[in-house]
ModelCIF file with pLDDT and N, C-alpha, C, O atoms, coordinates in Angstrom:
data_MODEL
#
_entry.id   MODEL 
#
_entity.id                         1 
_entity.type                       polymer 
_entity.pdbx_number_of_molecules   1 
#
_entity_poly.entity_id                      1 
_entity_poly.type                           'polypeptide(L)' 
_entity_poly.nstd_linkage                   no 
_entity_poly.nstd_monomer                   no 
_entity_poly.pdbx_seq_one_letter_code       AVDLPVVSDAKEFILNIKNKLDYQQIKRNTEIWTNELVEWKRTVPR 
_entity_poly.pdbx_seq_one_letter_code_can   AVDLPVVSDAKEFILNIKNKLDYQQIKRNTEIWTNELVEWKRTVPR 
_entity_poly.pdbx_strand_id                 A 
#
loop_
_entity_poly_seq.entity_id 
_entity_poly_seq.num 
_entity_poly_seq.mon_id 
_entity_poly_seq.hetero 
1 1  ALA n 
1 2  VAL n 
1 3  ASP n 
1 4  LEU n 
1 5  PRO n 
1 6  VAL n 
1 7  VAL n 
1 8  SER n 
1 9  ASP n 
1 10 ALA n 
1 11 LYS n 
1 12 GLU n 
1 13 PHE n 
1 14 ILE n 
1 15 LEU n 
1 16 ASN n 
1 17 ILE n 
1 18 LYS n 
1 19 ASN n 
1 20 LYS n 
1 21 LEU n 
1 22 ASP n 
1 23 TYR n 
1 24 GLN n 
1 25 GLN n 
1 26 ILE n 
1 27 LYS n 
1 28 ARG n 
1 29 ASN n 
1 30 THR n 
1 31 GLU n 
1 32 ILE n 
1 33 TRP n 
1 34 THR n 
1 35 ASN n 
1 36 GLU n 
1 37 LEU n 
1 38 VAL n 
1 39 GLU n 
1 40 TRP n 
1 41 LYS n 
1 42 ARG n 
1 43 THR n 
1 44 VAL n 
1 45 PRO n 
1 46 ARG n 
#
_struct_asym.id          A 
_struct_asym.entity_id   1 
#
loop_
_ma_qa_metric.id 
_ma_qa_metric.mode 
_ma_qa_metric.name 
_ma_qa_metric.software_group_id 
_ma_qa_metric.type 
1 global pLDDT . pLDDT 
2 local  pLDDT . pLDDT 
#
_ma_qa_metric_global.metric_id      1 
_ma_qa_metric_global.metric_value   93.07 
_ma_qa_metric_global.model_id       1 
_ma_qa_metric_global.ordinal_id     1 
#
loop_
_ma_qa_metric_local.label_asym_id 
_ma_qa_metric_local.label_comp_id 
_ma_qa_metric_local.label_seq_id 
_ma_qa_metric_local.metric_id 
_ma_qa_metric_local.metric_value 
_ma_qa_metric_local.model_id 
_ma_qa_metric_local.ordinal_id 
A ALA 1  2 96.00 1 1  
A VAL 2  2 97.00 1 2  
A ASP 3  2 97.00 1 3  
A LEU 4  2 97.00 1 4  
A PRO 5  2 96.00 1 5  
A VAL 6  2 96.00 1 6  
A VAL 7  2 95.00 1 7  
A SER 8  2 95.00 1 8  
A ASP 9  2 96.00 1 9  
A ALA 10 2 97.00 1 10 
A LYS 11 2 97.00 1 11 
A GLU 12 2 96.00 1 12 
A PHE 13 2 97.00 1 13 
A ILE 14 2 98.00 1 14 
A LEU 15 2 97.00 1 15 
A ASN 16 2 96.00 1 16 
A ILE 17 2 97.00 1 17 
A LYS 18 2 96.00 1 18 
A ASN 19 2 94.00 1 19 
A LYS 20 2 97.00 1 20 
A LEU 21 2 98.00 1 21 
A ASP 22 2 98.00 1 22 
A TYR 23 2 98.00 1 23 
A GLN 24 2 97.00 1 24 
A GLN 25 2 98.00 1 25 
A ILE 26 2 98.00 1 26 
A LYS 27 2 97.00 1 27 
A ARG 28 2 97.00 1 28 
A ASN 29 2 97.00 1 29 
A THR 30 2 97.00 1 30 
A GLU 31 2 97.00 1 31 
A ILE 32 2 97.00 1 32 
A TRP 33 2 97.00 1 33 
A THR 34 2 97.00 1 34 
A ASN 35 2 96.00 1 35 
A GLU 36 2 95.00 1 36 
A LEU 37 2 95.00 1 37 
A VAL 38 2 93.00 1 38 
A GLU 39 2 92.00 1 39 
A TRP 40 2 89.00 1 40 
A LYS 41 2 86.00 1 41 
A ARG 42 2 81.00 1 42 
A THR 43 2 78.00 1 43 
A VAL 44 2 67.00 1 44 
A PRO 45 2 60.00 1 45 
A ARG 46 2 59.00 1 46 
#
loop_
_atom_site.group_PDB 
_atom_site.id 
_atom_site.type_symbol 
_atom_site.label_atom_id 
_atom_site.label_alt_id 
_atom_site.label_comp_id 
_atom_site.label_asym_id 
_atom_site.label_entity_id 
_atom_site.label_seq_id 
_atom_site.pdbx_PDB_ins_code 
_atom_site.Cartn_x 
_atom_site.Cartn_y 
_atom_site.Cartn_z 
_atom_site.occupancy 
_atom_site.B_iso_or_equiv 
_atom_site.pdbx_formal_charge 
_atom_site.auth_seq_id 
_atom_site.auth_comp_id 
_atom_site.auth_asym_id 
_atom_site.auth_atom_id 
_atom_site.pdbx_PDB_model_num 
ATOM 1   N N  . ALA A 1 1  ? 73.293 -104.997 -158.652 1.00 96.00 ? 1  ALA A N  1 
ATOM 2   C CA . ALA A 1 1  ? 72.141 -104.574 -157.625 1.00 96.00 ? 1  ALA A CA 1 
ATOM 3   C C  . ALA A 1 1  ? 71.555 -103.290 -158.603 1.00 96.00 ? 1  ALA A C  1 
ATOM 4   O O  . ALA A 1 1  ? 72.245 -102.789 -159.491 1.00 96.00 ? 1  ALA A O  1 
ATOM 5   N N  . VAL A 1 2  ? 70.362 -102.912 -158.330 1.00 97.00 ? 2  VAL A N  1 
ATOM 6   C CA . VAL A 1 2  ? 69.846 -101.910 -159.306 1.00 97.00 ? 2  VAL A CA 1 
ATOM 7   C C  . VAL A 1 2  ? 68.948 -100.994 -158.638 1.00 97.00 ? 2  VAL A C  1 
ATOM 8   O O  . VAL A 1 2  ? 68.027 -101.489 -157.989 1.00 97.00 ? 2  VAL A O  1 
ATOM 9   N N  . ASP A 1 3  ? 69.074 -99.678  -158.696 1.00 97.00 ? 3  ASP A N  1 
ATOM 10  C CA . ASP A 1 3  ? 68.079 -98.596  -158.296 1.00 97.00 ? 3  ASP A CA 1 
ATOM 11  C C  . ASP A 1 3  ? 66.618 -98.370  -158.300 1.00 97.00 ? 3  ASP A C  1 
ATOM 12  O O  . ASP A 1 3  ? 65.810 -97.893  -157.504 1.00 97.00 ? 3  ASP A O  1 
ATOM 13  N N  . LEU A 1 4  ? 66.558 -99.036  -159.832 1.00 97.00 ? 4  LEU A N  1 
ATOM 14  C CA . LEU A 1 4  ? 65.147 -99.227  -159.929 1.00 97.00 ? 4  LEU A CA 1 
ATOM 15  C C  . LEU A 1 4  ? 64.915 -100.411 -160.603 1.00 97.00 ? 4  LEU A C  1 
ATOM 16  O O  . LEU A 1 4  ? 65.481 -100.663 -161.667 1.00 97.00 ? 4  LEU A O  1 
ATOM 17  N N  . PRO A 1 5  ? 63.924 -101.354 -159.931 1.00 96.00 ? 5  PRO A N  1 
ATOM 18  C CA . PRO A 1 5  ? 63.497 -102.648 -160.739 1.00 96.00 ? 5  PRO A CA 1 
ATOM 19  C C  . PRO A 1 5  ? 62.336 -102.470 -161.351 1.00 96.00 ? 5  PRO A C  1 
ATOM 20  O O  . PRO A 1 5  ? 61.357 -101.913 -160.852 1.00 96.00 ? 5  PRO A O  1 
ATOM 21  N N  . VAL A 1 6  ? 62.429 -103.049 -162.712 1.00 96.00 ? 6  VAL A N  1 
ATOM 22  C CA . VAL A 1 6  ? 60.886 -102.717 -163.428 1.00 96.00 ? 6  VAL A CA 1 
ATOM 23  C C  . VAL A 1 6  ? 60.836 -104.010 -164.379 1.00 96.00 ? 6  VAL A C  1 
ATOM 24  O O  . VAL A 1 6  ? 61.363 -104.233 -165.469 1.00 96.00 ? 6  VAL A O  1 
ATOM 25  N N  . VAL A 1 7  ? 59.743 -105.015 -163.294 1.00 95.00 ? 7  VAL A N  1 
ATOM 26  C CA . VAL A 1 7  ? 59.157 -106.037 -164.057 1.00 95.00 ? 7  VAL A CA 1 
ATOM 27  C C  . VAL A 1 7  ? 58.409 -105.777 -164.999 1.00 95.00 ? 7  VAL A C  1 
ATOM 28  O O  . VAL A 1 7  ? 57.274 -105.349 -164.793 1.00 95.00 ? 7  VAL A O  1 
ATOM 29  N N  . SER A 1 8  ? 58.842 -105.962 -166.100 1.00 95.00 ? 8  SER A N  1 
ATOM 30  C CA . SER A 1 8  ? 57.665 -105.494 -167.526 1.00 95.00 ? 8  SER A CA 1 
ATOM 31  C C  . SER A 1 8  ? 58.640 -106.416 -168.817 1.00 95.00 ? 8  SER A C  1 
ATOM 32  O O  . SER A 1 8  ? 59.803 -106.816 -168.876 1.00 95.00 ? 8  SER A O  1 
ATOM 33  N N  . ASP A 1 9  ? 57.521 -106.466 -169.679 1.00 96.00 ? 9  ASP A N  1 
ATOM 34  C CA . ASP A 1 9  ? 57.726 -106.681 -170.822 1.00 96.00 ? 9  ASP A CA 1 
ATOM 35  C C  . ASP A 1 9  ? 58.294 -105.344 -171.632 1.00 96.00 ? 9  ASP A C  1 
ATOM 36  O O  . ASP A 1 9  ? 57.665 -104.287 -171.601 1.00 96.00 ? 9  ASP A O  1 
ATOM 37  N N  . ALA A 1 10 ? 59.522 -105.487 -172.347 1.00 97.00 ? 10 ALA A N  1 
ATOM 38  C CA . ALA A 1 10 ? 60.549 -104.445 -172.711 1.00 97.00 ? 10 ALA A CA 1 
ATOM 39  C C  . ALA A 1 10 ? 59.794 -103.621 -173.979 1.00 97.00 ? 10 ALA A C  1 
ATOM 40  O O  . ALA A 1 10 ? 60.384 -102.649 -174.450 1.00 97.00 ? 10 ALA A O  1 
ATOM 41  N N  . LYS A 1 11 ? 58.679 -103.960 -174.443 1.00 97.00 ? 11 LYS A N  1 
ATOM 42  C CA . LYS A 1 11 ? 57.971 -103.240 -175.517 1.00 97.00 ? 11 LYS A CA 1 
ATOM 43  C C  . LYS A 1 11 ? 57.347 -102.188 -174.789 1.00 97.00 ? 11 LYS A C  1 
ATOM 44  O O  . LYS A 1 11 ? 57.452 -100.962 -174.791 1.00 97.00 ? 11 LYS A O  1 
ATOM 45  N N  . GLU A 1 12 ? 56.550 -103.168 -174.060 1.00 96.00 ? 12 GLU A N  1 
ATOM 46  C CA . GLU A 1 12 ? 55.429 -102.271 -172.888 1.00 96.00 ? 12 GLU A CA 1 
ATOM 47  C C  . GLU A 1 12 ? 56.084 -101.453 -172.101 1.00 96.00 ? 12 GLU A C  1 
ATOM 48  O O  . GLU A 1 12 ? 55.283 -100.584 -171.758 1.00 96.00 ? 12 GLU A O  1 
ATOM 49  N N  . PHE A 1 13 ? 57.095 -101.269 -171.638 1.00 97.00 ? 13 PHE A N  1 
ATOM 50  C CA . PHE A 1 13 ? 57.760 -100.573 -170.963 1.00 97.00 ? 13 PHE A CA 1 
ATOM 51  C C  . PHE A 1 13 ? 58.180 -99.074  -171.944 1.00 97.00 ? 13 PHE A C  1 
ATOM 52  O O  . PHE A 1 13 ? 57.965 -97.913  -171.596 1.00 97.00 ? 13 PHE A O  1 
ATOM 53  N N  . ILE A 1 14 ? 58.824 -99.539  -173.229 1.00 98.00 ? 14 ILE A N  1 
ATOM 54  C CA . ILE A 1 14 ? 58.981 -98.304  -173.398 1.00 98.00 ? 14 ILE A CA 1 
ATOM 55  C C  . ILE A 1 14 ? 57.593 -97.396  -174.234 1.00 98.00 ? 14 ILE A C  1 
ATOM 56  O O  . ILE A 1 14 ? 57.285 -96.205  -174.282 1.00 98.00 ? 14 ILE A O  1 
ATOM 57  N N  . LEU A 1 15 ? 56.971 -98.737  -174.851 1.00 97.00 ? 15 LEU A N  1 
ATOM 58  C CA . LEU A 1 15 ? 55.441 -97.806  -175.239 1.00 97.00 ? 15 LEU A CA 1 
ATOM 59  C C  . LEU A 1 15 ? 54.964 -96.888  -174.303 1.00 97.00 ? 15 LEU A C  1 
ATOM 60  O O  . LEU A 1 15 ? 54.534 -95.809  -174.711 1.00 97.00 ? 15 LEU A O  1 
ATOM 61  N N  . ASN A 1 16 ? 54.975 -97.167  -173.021 1.00 96.00 ? 16 ASN A N  1 
ATOM 62  C CA . ASN A 1 16 ? 54.526 -96.625  -171.808 1.00 96.00 ? 16 ASN A CA 1 
ATOM 63  C C  . ASN A 1 16 ? 55.279 -94.951  -171.518 1.00 96.00 ? 16 ASN A C  1 
ATOM 64  O O  . ASN A 1 16 ? 54.815 -93.852  -171.214 1.00 96.00 ? 16 ASN A O  1 
ATOM 65  N N  . ILE A 1 17 ? 56.387 -95.380  -171.746 1.00 97.00 ? 17 ILE A N  1 
ATOM 66  C CA . ILE A 1 17 ? 57.149 -94.213  -171.355 1.00 97.00 ? 17 ILE A CA 1 
ATOM 67  C C  . ILE A 1 17 ? 57.684 -93.333  -172.460 1.00 97.00 ? 17 ILE A C  1 
ATOM 68  O O  . ILE A 1 17 ? 58.285 -92.338  -172.055 1.00 97.00 ? 17 ILE A O  1 
ATOM 69  N N  . LYS A 1 18 ? 57.605 -93.468  -173.628 1.00 96.00 ? 18 LYS A N  1 
ATOM 70  C CA . LYS A 1 18 ? 57.956 -92.898  -174.433 1.00 96.00 ? 18 LYS A CA 1 
ATOM 71  C C  . LYS A 1 18 ? 57.421 -91.374  -174.908 1.00 96.00 ? 18 LYS A C  1 
ATOM 72  O O  . LYS A 1 18 ? 58.104 -90.419  -175.279 1.00 96.00 ? 18 LYS A O  1 
ATOM 73  N N  . ASN A 1 19 ? 56.098 -91.470  -174.779 1.00 94.00 ? 19 ASN A N  1 
ATOM 74  C CA . ASN A 1 19 ? 55.337 -90.389  -174.861 1.00 94.00 ? 19 ASN A CA 1 
ATOM 75  C C  . ASN A 1 19 ? 55.113 -89.360  -173.571 1.00 94.00 ? 19 ASN A C  1 
ATOM 76  O O  . ASN A 1 19 ? 54.360 -88.386  -173.574 1.00 94.00 ? 19 ASN A O  1 
ATOM 77  N N  . LYS A 1 20 ? 55.974 -89.825  -172.432 1.00 97.00 ? 20 LYS A N  1 
ATOM 78  C CA . LYS A 1 20 ? 56.062 -89.009  -171.268 1.00 97.00 ? 20 LYS A CA 1 
ATOM 79  C C  . LYS A 1 20 ? 57.528 -88.595  -171.083 1.00 97.00 ? 20 LYS A C  1 
ATOM 80  O O  . LYS A 1 20 ? 57.805 -88.195  -169.953 1.00 97.00 ? 20 LYS A O  1 
ATOM 81  N N  . LEU A 1 21 ? 58.290 -88.613  -171.781 1.00 98.00 ? 21 LEU A N  1 
ATOM 82  C CA . LEU A 1 21 ? 59.495 -88.070  -171.803 1.00 98.00 ? 21 LEU A CA 1 
ATOM 83  C C  . LEU A 1 21 ? 59.680 -86.528  -171.834 1.00 98.00 ? 21 LEU A C  1 
ATOM 84  O O  . LEU A 1 21 ? 58.595 -86.124  -172.251 1.00 98.00 ? 21 LEU A O  1 
ATOM 85  N N  . ASP A 1 22 ? 60.309 -85.683  -171.661 1.00 98.00 ? 22 ASP A N  1 
ATOM 86  C CA . ASP A 1 22 ? 60.568 -84.381  -172.139 1.00 98.00 ? 22 ASP A CA 1 
ATOM 87  C C  . ASP A 1 22 ? 61.796 -84.249  -172.935 1.00 98.00 ? 22 ASP A C  1 
ATOM 88  O O  . ASP A 1 22 ? 62.894 -83.860  -172.538 1.00 98.00 ? 22 ASP A O  1 
ATOM 89  N N  . TYR A 1 23 ? 61.508 -84.570  -173.934 1.00 98.00 ? 23 TYR A N  1 
ATOM 90  C CA . TYR A 1 23 ? 63.051 -84.716  -174.810 1.00 98.00 ? 23 TYR A CA 1 
ATOM 91  C C  . TYR A 1 23 ? 64.359 -83.494  -175.102 1.00 98.00 ? 23 TYR A C  1 
ATOM 92  O O  . TYR A 1 23 ? 65.586 -83.483  -175.200 1.00 98.00 ? 23 TYR A O  1 
ATOM 93  N N  . GLN A 1 24 ? 63.327 -82.623  -175.155 1.00 97.00 ? 24 GLN A N  1 
ATOM 94  C CA . GLN A 1 24 ? 64.082 -81.166  -174.881 1.00 97.00 ? 24 GLN A CA 1 
ATOM 95  C C  . GLN A 1 24 ? 65.396 -80.996  -173.666 1.00 97.00 ? 24 GLN A C  1 
ATOM 96  O O  . GLN A 1 24 ? 66.571 -80.637  -173.729 1.00 97.00 ? 24 GLN A O  1 
ATOM 97  N N  . GLN A 1 25 ? 64.698 -81.352  -172.830 1.00 98.00 ? 25 GLN A N  1 
ATOM 98  C CA . GLN A 1 25 ? 65.112 -81.270  -171.455 1.00 98.00 ? 25 GLN A CA 1 
ATOM 99  C C  . GLN A 1 25 ? 66.048 -82.111  -171.490 1.00 98.00 ? 25 GLN A C  1 
ATOM 100 O O  . GLN A 1 25 ? 67.118 -81.520  -171.344 1.00 98.00 ? 25 GLN A O  1 
ATOM 101 N N  . ILE A 1 26 ? 66.238 -83.687  -171.667 1.00 98.00 ? 26 ILE A N  1 
ATOM 102 C CA . ILE A 1 26 ? 66.945 -84.538  -172.085 1.00 98.00 ? 26 ILE A CA 1 
ATOM 103 C C  . ILE A 1 26 ? 68.355 -84.206  -172.954 1.00 98.00 ? 26 ILE A C  1 
ATOM 104 O O  . ILE A 1 26 ? 69.451 -84.702  -172.695 1.00 98.00 ? 26 ILE A O  1 
ATOM 105 N N  . LYS A 1 27 ? 68.102 -83.348  -173.937 1.00 97.00 ? 27 LYS A N  1 
ATOM 106 C CA . LYS A 1 27 ? 69.223 -83.171  -175.012 1.00 97.00 ? 27 LYS A CA 1 
ATOM 107 C C  . LYS A 1 27 ? 69.783 -81.943  -174.504 1.00 97.00 ? 27 LYS A C  1 
ATOM 108 O O  . LYS A 1 27 ? 70.941 -81.762  -174.882 1.00 97.00 ? 27 LYS A O  1 
ATOM 109 N N  . ARG A 1 28 ? 69.345 -81.121  -173.820 1.00 97.00 ? 28 ARG A N  1 
ATOM 110 C CA . ARG A 1 28 ? 70.202 -80.100  -172.996 1.00 97.00 ? 28 ARG A CA 1 
ATOM 111 C C  . ARG A 1 28 ? 70.890 -80.705  -172.301 1.00 97.00 ? 28 ARG A C  1 
ATOM 112 O O  . ARG A 1 28 ? 72.091 -80.482  -172.455 1.00 97.00 ? 28 ARG A O  1 
ATOM 113 N N  . ASN A 1 29 ? 70.584 -81.504  -171.470 1.00 97.00 ? 29 ASN A N  1 
ATOM 114 C CA . ASN A 1 29 ? 71.361 -81.999  -170.286 1.00 97.00 ? 29 ASN A CA 1 
ATOM 115 C C  . ASN A 1 29 ? 72.457 -83.085  -170.975 1.00 97.00 ? 29 ASN A C  1 
ATOM 116 O O  . ASN A 1 29 ? 73.445 -83.400  -170.312 1.00 97.00 ? 29 ASN A O  1 
ATOM 117 N N  . THR A 1 30 ? 72.316 -83.473  -171.905 1.00 97.00 ? 30 THR A N  1 
ATOM 118 C CA . THR A 1 30 ? 73.044 -84.531  -172.504 1.00 97.00 ? 30 THR A CA 1 
ATOM 119 C C  . THR A 1 30 ? 73.752 -84.163  -173.774 1.00 97.00 ? 30 THR A C  1 
ATOM 120 O O  . THR A 1 30 ? 74.348 -85.090  -174.321 1.00 97.00 ? 30 THR A O  1 
ATOM 121 N N  . GLU A 1 31 ? 73.798 -83.030  -174.324 1.00 97.00 ? 31 GLU A N  1 
ATOM 122 C CA . GLU A 1 31 ? 74.337 -82.659  -175.377 1.00 97.00 ? 31 GLU A CA 1 
ATOM 123 C C  . GLU A 1 31 ? 75.912 -82.839  -175.618 1.00 97.00 ? 31 GLU A C  1 
ATOM 124 O O  . GLU A 1 31 ? 76.414 -83.290  -176.646 1.00 97.00 ? 31 GLU A O  1 
ATOM 125 N N  . ILE A 1 32 ? 76.675 -82.350  -174.343 1.00 97.00 ? 32 ILE A N  1 
ATOM 126 C CA . ILE A 1 32 ? 78.263 -82.466  -174.416 1.00 97.00 ? 32 ILE A CA 1 
ATOM 127 C C  . ILE A 1 32 ? 78.406 -84.135  -174.469 1.00 97.00 ? 32 ILE A C  1 
ATOM 128 O O  . ILE A 1 32 ? 78.941 -84.775  -175.374 1.00 97.00 ? 32 ILE A O  1 
ATOM 129 N N  . TRP A 1 33 ? 77.944 -84.531  -173.566 1.00 97.00 ? 33 TRP A N  1 
ATOM 130 C CA . TRP A 1 33 ? 78.161 -86.185  -173.108 1.00 97.00 ? 33 TRP A CA 1 
ATOM 131 C C  . TRP A 1 33 ? 77.937 -86.883  -174.503 1.00 97.00 ? 33 TRP A C  1 
ATOM 132 O O  . TRP A 1 33 ? 78.839 -87.606  -174.926 1.00 97.00 ? 33 TRP A O  1 
ATOM 133 N N  . THR A 1 34 ? 76.800 -86.714  -175.234 1.00 97.00 ? 34 THR A N  1 
ATOM 134 C CA . THR A 1 34 ? 76.871 -87.272  -176.348 1.00 97.00 ? 34 THR A CA 1 
ATOM 135 C C  . THR A 1 34 ? 77.596 -87.062  -177.297 1.00 97.00 ? 34 THR A C  1 
ATOM 136 O O  . THR A 1 34 ? 77.804 -88.013  -178.050 1.00 97.00 ? 34 THR A O  1 
ATOM 137 N N  . ASN A 1 35 ? 78.285 -85.641  -177.617 1.00 96.00 ? 35 ASN A N  1 
ATOM 138 C CA . ASN A 1 35 ? 78.778 -85.542  -178.546 1.00 96.00 ? 35 ASN A CA 1 
ATOM 139 C C  . ASN A 1 35 ? 80.348 -85.979  -178.245 1.00 96.00 ? 35 ASN A C  1 
ATOM 140 O O  . ASN A 1 35 ? 81.209 -86.161  -179.105 1.00 96.00 ? 35 ASN A O  1 
ATOM 141 N N  . GLU A 1 36 ? 80.466 -86.070  -177.174 1.00 95.00 ? 36 GLU A N  1 
ATOM 142 C CA . GLU A 1 36 ? 81.767 -86.711  -176.530 1.00 95.00 ? 36 GLU A CA 1 
ATOM 143 C C  . GLU A 1 36 ? 82.095 -88.391  -176.864 1.00 95.00 ? 36 GLU A C  1 
ATOM 144 O O  . GLU A 1 36 ? 83.155 -88.971  -177.099 1.00 95.00 ? 36 GLU A O  1 
ATOM 145 N N  . LEU A 1 37 ? 80.453 -88.951  -176.755 1.00 95.00 ? 37 LEU A N  1 
ATOM 146 C CA . LEU A 1 37 ? 80.877 -90.438  -176.980 1.00 95.00 ? 37 LEU A CA 1 
ATOM 147 C C  . LEU A 1 37 ? 80.683 -90.243  -178.521 1.00 95.00 ? 37 LEU A C  1 
ATOM 148 O O  . LEU A 1 37 ? 81.511 -90.938  -179.110 1.00 95.00 ? 37 LEU A O  1 
ATOM 149 N N  . VAL A 1 38 ? 80.104 -89.737  -179.145 1.00 93.00 ? 38 VAL A N  1 
ATOM 150 C CA . VAL A 1 38 ? 79.908 -89.965  -180.868 1.00 93.00 ? 38 VAL A CA 1 
ATOM 151 C C  . VAL A 1 38 ? 81.280 -90.069  -181.153 1.00 93.00 ? 38 VAL A C  1 
ATOM 152 O O  . VAL A 1 38 ? 81.755 -91.054  -181.718 1.00 93.00 ? 38 VAL A O  1 
ATOM 153 N N  . GLU A 1 39 ? 82.149 -88.784  -180.669 1.00 92.00 ? 39 GLU A N  1 
ATOM 154 C CA . GLU A 1 39 ? 83.701 -88.820  -181.228 1.00 92.00 ? 39 GLU A CA 1 
ATOM 155 C C  . GLU A 1 39 ? 84.460 -89.762  -180.483 1.00 92.00 ? 39 GLU A C  1 
ATOM 156 O O  . GLU A 1 39 ? 85.676 -89.730  -180.673 1.00 92.00 ? 39 GLU A O  1 
ATOM 157 N N  . TRP A 1 40 ? 84.054 -90.512  -179.756 1.00 89.00 ? 40 TRP A N  1 
ATOM 158 C CA . TRP A 1 40 ? 84.505 -91.950  -179.379 1.00 89.00 ? 40 TRP A CA 1 
ATOM 159 C C  . TRP A 1 40 ? 84.451 -92.906  -179.963 1.00 89.00 ? 40 TRP A C  1 
ATOM 160 O O  . TRP A 1 40 ? 85.415 -93.594  -180.297 1.00 89.00 ? 40 TRP A O  1 
ATOM 161 N N  . LYS A 1 41 ? 83.144 -93.142  -180.219 1.00 86.00 ? 41 LYS A N  1 
ATOM 162 C CA . LYS A 1 41 ? 83.195 -94.200  -181.750 1.00 86.00 ? 41 LYS A CA 1 
ATOM 163 C C  . LYS A 1 41 ? 83.829 -93.721  -182.879 1.00 86.00 ? 41 LYS A C  1 
ATOM 164 O O  . LYS A 1 41 ? 84.517 -94.531  -183.501 1.00 86.00 ? 41 LYS A O  1 
ATOM 165 N N  . ARG A 1 42 ? 83.733 -92.300  -183.387 1.00 81.00 ? 42 ARG A N  1 
ATOM 166 C CA . ARG A 1 42 ? 84.387 -91.926  -184.775 1.00 81.00 ? 42 ARG A CA 1 
ATOM 167 C C  . ARG A 1 42 ? 85.767 -92.127  -184.828 1.00 81.00 ? 42 ARG A C  1 
ATOM 168 O O  . ARG A 1 42 ? 86.261 -92.086  -185.955 1.00 81.00 ? 42 ARG A O  1 
ATOM 169 N N  . THR A 1 43 ? 86.429 -92.311  -183.984 1.00 78.00 ? 43 THR A N  1 
ATOM 170 C CA . THR A 1 43 ? 87.797 -92.214  -183.335 1.00 78.00 ? 43 THR A CA 1 
ATOM 171 C C  . THR A 1 43 ? 88.760 -93.349  -183.054 1.00 78.00 ? 43 THR A C  1 
ATOM 172 O O  . THR A 1 43 ? 89.975 -93.518  -182.963 1.00 78.00 ? 43 THR A O  1 
ATOM 173 N N  . VAL A 1 44 ? 87.806 -93.940  -182.973 1.00 67.00 ? 44 VAL A N  1 
ATOM 174 C CA . VAL A 1 44 ? 88.130 -95.467  -182.164 1.00 67.00 ? 44 VAL A CA 1 
ATOM 175 C C  . VAL A 1 44 ? 89.208 -96.335  -182.942 1.00 67.00 ? 44 VAL A C  1 
ATOM 176 O O  . VAL A 1 44 ? 89.175 -96.535  -184.157 1.00 67.00 ? 44 VAL A O  1 
ATOM 177 N N  . PRO A 1 45 ? 90.182 -96.829  -182.051 1.00 60.00 ? 45 PRO A N  1 
ATOM 178 C CA . PRO A 1 45 ? 91.332 -97.652  -182.800 1.00 60.00 ? 45 PRO A CA 1 
ATOM 179 C C  . PRO A 1 45 ? 90.786 -98.694  -183.565 1.00 60.00 ? 45 PRO A C  1 
ATOM 180 O O  . PRO A 1 45 ? 89.787 -99.313  -183.198 1.00 60.00 ? 45 PRO A O  1 
ATOM 181 N N  . ARG A 1 46 ? 91.529 -98.973  -184.854 1.00 59.00 ? 46 ARG A N  1 
ATOM 182 C CA . ARG A 1 46 ? 91.321 -100.421 -185.408 1.00 59.00 ? 46 ARG A CA 1 
ATOM 183 C C  . ARG A 1 46 ? 91.996 -101.438 -184.578 1.00 59.00 ? 46 ARG A C  1 
ATOM 184 O O  . ARG A 1 46 ? 91.926 -102.629 -184.882 1.00 59.00 ? 46 ARG A O  1 
#
């Protein structure tokens, strides 16, 4: 079950949304989260 269904070709969706996003706001909101995930990948056990 999803909260927002979007019936669209993947490329069409990405082309439509990519120039509308506020990237600075996204990076401010997610910086701690992103750094944490990158560390999970770097330290992932073999």
